[in-house]
Protein backbone atom coordinates (compact mmCIF):
# COMPACT_ATOMS: atom_id res chain seq x y z
CA MET A 1 -0.09 -0.01 -0.01
CA PRO A 2 1.64 3.24 -1.10
CA ILE A 3 1.94 6.00 1.54
CA SER A 4 2.45 9.69 0.85
CA LYS A 5 6.08 10.71 1.02
CA ALA A 6 7.49 11.45 4.29
CA PRO A 7 8.42 13.34 6.39
CA TRP A 8 4.84 15.01 6.80
CA THR A 9 4.45 18.49 8.22
CA THR A 10 1.70 20.38 9.57
CA THR A 11 0.13 23.83 9.54
CA HIS A 12 -3.03 24.92 11.49
CA GLY A 13 -4.24 21.27 11.54
CA TRP A 14 -3.37 20.54 7.79
CA ILE A 15 -1.05 17.68 7.02
CA TYR A 16 1.34 18.00 3.95
CA ASP A 17 3.75 15.56 2.47
CA VAL A 18 7.33 16.27 1.60
CA ASP A 19 6.27 17.51 -1.84
CA GLY A 20 3.68 19.99 -0.22
CA GLU A 21 0.78 17.96 -1.37
CA LEU A 22 -2.21 17.94 1.14
CA VAL A 23 -2.26 14.62 3.01
CA GLY A 24 -5.19 15.20 5.48
CA ILE A 25 -6.95 17.76 7.65
CA CYS A 26 -7.35 17.37 11.37
CA TRP A 27 -10.22 18.86 13.46
CA GLY A 28 -10.29 19.76 17.20
CA LYS A 29 -12.37 21.62 19.65
CA THR A 30 -9.68 24.57 19.38
CA PRO A 31 -6.94 25.47 16.76
CA GLU A 32 -4.46 24.20 19.24
CA GLU A 33 -6.18 20.92 19.54
CA ALA A 34 -6.46 20.52 15.72
CA GLU A 35 -2.82 21.13 15.47
CA ARG A 36 -1.88 18.72 18.11
CA ASN A 37 -4.00 15.91 16.37
CA ALA A 38 -2.33 16.88 13.11
CA GLN A 39 1.24 16.50 14.65
CA LEU A 40 0.36 13.11 15.95
CA ALA A 41 -1.15 12.15 12.51
CA SER A 42 2.05 13.58 10.74
CA VAL A 43 4.33 11.11 12.36
CA SER A 44 2.43 8.15 11.16
CA PRO A 45 4.81 7.06 8.36
CA GLU A 46 7.79 7.21 10.79
CA MET A 47 5.75 5.20 13.61
CA LEU A 48 4.80 2.50 11.00
CA LYS A 49 8.50 2.16 9.94
CA ALA A 50 9.63 1.98 13.62
CA LEU A 51 6.75 -0.59 14.31
CA GLY A 52 8.16 -2.62 11.39
CA GLY A 53 11.67 -2.52 12.67
CA ALA A 54 10.55 -3.52 16.22
CA LYS A 55 8.55 -6.38 14.84
CA TRP A 56 11.54 -7.56 12.83
CA LEU A 57 14.01 -7.36 15.78
CA ILE A 58 11.43 -9.21 18.05
CA ASP A 59 10.91 -11.96 15.30
CA SER A 60 14.70 -12.41 15.09
CA PHE A 61 15.60 -12.65 18.72
CA VAL A 62 12.54 -13.55 20.90
CA PHE A 63 11.49 -17.23 21.12
CA ASN A 64 7.68 -17.44 20.55
CA PRO A 65 7.06 -13.67 20.27
CA ALA A 66 3.28 -14.43 19.96
CA TYR A 67 3.26 -15.22 23.50
CA TYR A 68 3.72 -11.49 24.29
CA LYS A 69 0.44 -9.18 24.19
CA GLU A 70 2.86 -6.24 23.26
CA TYR A 71 4.10 -8.25 20.22
CA LEU A 72 0.47 -8.94 19.21
CA ASP A 73 -0.32 -5.22 19.73
CA ILE A 74 2.49 -4.23 17.29
CA CYS A 75 1.08 -6.77 14.62
CA VAL A 76 -2.41 -5.44 15.03
CA ALA A 77 -1.17 -1.84 14.89
CA ILE A 78 0.79 -2.49 11.52
CA LYS A 79 -2.07 -4.26 9.93
CA LYS A 80 -4.46 -1.53 10.71
CA ALA A 81 -2.09 1.11 9.36
CA ARG A 82 -1.70 -0.91 6.13
CA GLY A 83 -5.51 -1.18 5.95
CA GLU A 84 -5.44 -4.96 6.18
CA GLU A 85 -7.64 -5.19 9.37
């Protein structure tokens, strides 16, 4: 699944990719809340990449990683981010 080019930036709740293309708009009860929501959403590509790296690391070094709830949480989050769940 393609993702808009990172890094993403925000301005007043609007999220832009590295090429300046609009990726999304976040709302909030106040302009500050909208910007905070956008800040969180704007790091989605980096968080997905980090979760993928964490999953790889756990898969590589932990015996029976599916035993751990945290590992399963990582797997679910990755699937949701990719639109697979």
